[in-house]
């Protein structure tokens, strides 16, 4: 798959009927994208590209979701947990 970096803030509607509250839909650039299926979910608590010294407060706290929309598009988005801000990380496109 080819990944196209987006890295923009989005708004997300979450499912309240499940304990993990996964995304049900997101809005990017004024367009709504209903989520058909959450393909994968993972947590990142790493340091990212920081140099020395690495301290505990510099760690990332993100929850990533790979979602398939109702139109068949595949996206990765994440919740930046300390700030409670959602970002559209990238779009995954099939190789030709």
C-alpha atoms as a PDB file:
ATOM      1  CA  UNK A   1       0.000   0.000   0.000  1.00  0.00           C
ATOM      2  CA  UNK A   2       1.073   3.534  -0.682  1.00  0.00           C
ATOM      3  CA  UNK A   3       0.725   5.983   2.224  1.00  0.00           C
ATOM      4  CA  UNK A   4      -0.097   9.647   1.634  1.00  0.00           C
ATOM      5  CA  UNK A   5       0.773  11.811   4.653  1.00  0.00           C
ATOM      6  CA  UNK A   6      -1.954  14.274   5.686  1.00  0.00           C
ATOM      7  CA  UNK A   7      -1.223  15.278   9.314  1.00  0.00           C
ATOM      8  CA  UNK A   8      -4.185  17.612   9.839  1.00  0.00           C
ATOM      9  CA  UNK A   9      -6.561  18.078  12.779  1.00  0.00           C
ATOM     10  CA  UNK A  10     -10.046  16.594  12.363  1.00  0.00           C
ATOM     11  CA  UNK A  11     -13.251  16.253  14.336  1.00  0.00           C
ATOM     12  CA  UNK A  12     -14.397  12.762  15.260  1.00  0.00           C
ATOM     13  CA  UNK A  13     -17.733  11.306  16.309  1.00  0.00           C
ATOM     14  CA  UNK A  14     -17.213   8.280  18.532  1.00  0.00           C
ATOM     15  CA  UNK A  15     -19.338   5.228  19.192  1.00  0.00           C
ATOM     16  CA  UNK A  16     -20.746   5.448  22.696  1.00  0.00           C
ATOM     17  CA  UNK A  17     -22.120   1.888  22.701  1.00  0.00           C
ATOM     18  CA  UNK A  18     -18.658   0.246  22.896  1.00  0.00           C
ATOM     19  CA  UNK A  19     -16.242   0.528  25.835  1.00  0.00           C
ATOM     20  CA  UNK A  20     -13.286   1.611  23.653  1.00  0.00           C
ATOM     21  CA  UNK A  21     -15.398   4.334  21.965  1.00  0.00           C
ATOM     22  CA  UNK A  22     -13.890   3.880  18.473  1.00  0.00           C
ATOM     23  CA  UNK A  23     -14.499   6.437  15.701  1.00  0.00           C
ATOM     24  CA  UNK A  24     -17.913   6.274  14.048  1.00  0.00           C
ATOM     25  CA  UNK A  25     -17.225   9.125  11.609  1.00  0.00           C
ATOM     26  CA  UNK A  26     -14.776  11.971  11.080  1.00  0.00           C
ATOM     27  CA  UNK A  27     -14.878  15.314   9.325  1.00  0.00           C
ATOM     28  CA  UNK A  28     -11.940  16.543   7.282  1.00  0.00           C
ATOM     29  CA  UNK A  29     -11.936  19.728   5.182  1.00  0.00           C
ATOM     30  CA  UNK A  30     -15.696  20.097   5.567  1.00  0.00           C
ATOM     31  CA  UNK A  31     -16.491  16.579   4.333  1.00  0.00           C
ATOM     32  CA  UNK A  32     -17.923  13.849   6.564  1.00  0.00           C
ATOM     33  CA  UNK A  33     -16.451  10.348   6.339  1.00  0.00           C
ATOM     34  CA  UNK A  34     -18.658   7.689   8.002  1.00  0.00           C
ATOM     35  CA  UNK A  35     -16.568   4.782   9.294  1.00  0.00           C
ATOM     36  CA  UNK A  36     -17.658   1.378   8.050  1.00  0.00           C
ATOM     37  CA  UNK A  37     -15.081  -0.647   9.992  1.00  0.00           C
ATOM     38  CA  UNK A  38     -12.134  -0.194  12.341  1.00  0.00           C
ATOM     39  CA  UNK A  39      -9.459  -2.377  10.728  1.00  0.00           C
ATOM     40  CA  UNK A  40      -6.856  -1.980  13.492  1.00  0.00           C
ATOM     41  CA  UNK A  41      -6.118  -0.082  16.713  1.00  0.00           C
ATOM     42  CA  UNK A  42      -2.815   0.402  18.553  1.00  0.00           C
ATOM     43  CA  UNK A  43      -1.175   2.624  21.158  1.00  0.00           C
ATOM     44  CA  UNK A  44       2.054   4.599  20.831  1.00  0.00           C
ATOM     45  CA  UNK A  45       3.814   5.762  23.982  1.00  0.00           C
ATOM     46  CA  UNK A  46       7.241   6.205  22.381  1.00  0.00           C
ATOM     47  CA  UNK A  47       9.458   9.233  22.188  1.00  0.00           C
ATOM     48  CA  UNK A  48       9.359   9.811  18.448  1.00  0.00           C
ATOM     49  CA  UNK A  49      12.322  11.576  16.824  1.00  0.00           C
ATOM     50  CA  UNK A  50      13.577  13.292  20.014  1.00  0.00           C
ATOM     51  CA  UNK A  51      17.299  13.465  20.645  1.00  0.00           C
ATOM     52  CA  UNK A  52      19.005  13.436  24.045  1.00  0.00           C
ATOM     53  CA  UNK A  53      17.953  13.443  26.826  1.00  0.00           C
ATOM     54  CA  UNK A  54      14.680  11.505  26.773  1.00  0.00           C
ATOM     55  CA  UNK A  55      12.503  12.169  29.791  1.00  0.00           C
ATOM     56  CA  UNK A  56       9.189  10.573  30.736  1.00  0.00           C
ATOM     57  CA  UNK A  57       7.183  13.765  30.114  1.00  0.00           C
ATOM     58  CA  UNK A  58       8.379  13.901  26.511  1.00  0.00           C
ATOM     59  CA  UNK A  59       6.671  10.630  25.568  1.00  0.00           C
ATOM     60  CA  UNK A  60       3.844  10.527  23.068  1.00  0.00           C
ATOM     61  CA  UNK A  61       0.497   9.192  24.181  1.00  0.00           C
ATOM     62  CA  UNK A  62      -1.451   8.387  21.043  1.00  0.00           C
ATOM     63  CA  UNK A  63      -4.112   5.891  20.130  1.00  0.00           C
ATOM     64  CA  UNK A  64      -4.096   5.066  16.422  1.00  0.00           C
ATOM     65  CA  UNK A  65      -7.003   3.724  14.382  1.00  0.00           C
ATOM     66  CA  UNK A  66      -6.921   2.346  10.864  1.00  0.00           C
ATOM     67  CA  UNK A  67     -10.440   2.804   9.508  1.00  0.00           C
ATOM     68  CA  UNK A  68     -12.291   1.946   6.331  1.00  0.00           C
ATOM     69  CA  UNK A  69     -14.920   4.479   5.299  1.00  0.00           C
ATOM     70  CA  UNK A  70     -18.268   3.735   3.689  1.00  0.00           C
ATOM     71  CA  UNK A  71     -16.750   4.723   0.328  1.00  0.00           C
ATOM     72  CA  UNK A  72     -14.004   2.086   0.724  1.00  0.00           C
ATOM     73  CA  UNK A  73     -11.179   4.529   1.496  1.00  0.00           C
ATOM     74  CA  UNK A  74      -8.604   3.517   4.098  1.00  0.00           C
ATOM     75  CA  UNK A  75      -7.273   6.093   6.583  1.00  0.00           C
ATOM     76  CA  UNK A  76      -5.152   6.169   9.716  1.00  0.00           C
ATOM     77  CA  UNK A  77      -6.090   8.660  12.399  1.00  0.00           C
ATOM     78  CA  UNK A  78      -5.001   9.120  15.977  1.00  0.00           C
ATOM     79  CA  UNK A  79      -6.086  10.647  19.255  1.00  0.00           C
ATOM     80  CA  UNK A  80      -3.404  12.714  20.972  1.00  0.00           C
ATOM     81  CA  UNK A  81      -4.456  11.754  24.485  1.00  0.00           C
ATOM     82  CA  UNK A  82      -3.041  14.503  26.704  1.00  0.00           C
ATOM     83  CA  UNK A  83      -4.640  17.204  24.534  1.00  0.00           C
ATOM     84  CA  UNK A  84      -7.702  15.143  23.493  1.00  0.00           C
ATOM     85  CA  UNK A  85      -7.087  16.268  19.884  1.00  0.00           C
ATOM     86  CA  UNK A  86      -7.731  14.081  16.825  1.00  0.00           C
ATOM     87  CA  UNK A  87      -5.507  14.064  13.728  1.00  0.00           C
ATOM     88  CA  UNK A  88      -5.845  12.501  10.308  1.00  0.00           C
ATOM     89  CA  UNK A  89      -2.409  10.908   9.984  1.00  0.00           C
ATOM     90  CA  UNK A  90      -2.461   9.460   6.466  1.00  0.00           C
ATOM     91  CA  UNK A  91      -4.488   7.861   3.711  1.00  0.00           C
ATOM     92  CA  UNK A  92      -3.557   4.371   2.507  1.00  0.00           C
ATOM     93  CA  UNK A  93      -3.920   3.803  -1.226  1.00  0.00           C
ATOM     94  CA  UNK A  94      -3.650   0.474  -3.070  1.00  0.00           C
ATOM     95  CA  UNK A  95      -0.622   0.061  -5.306  1.00  0.00           C
ATOM     96  CA  UNK A  96      -1.496   0.184  -9.029  1.00  0.00           C
END
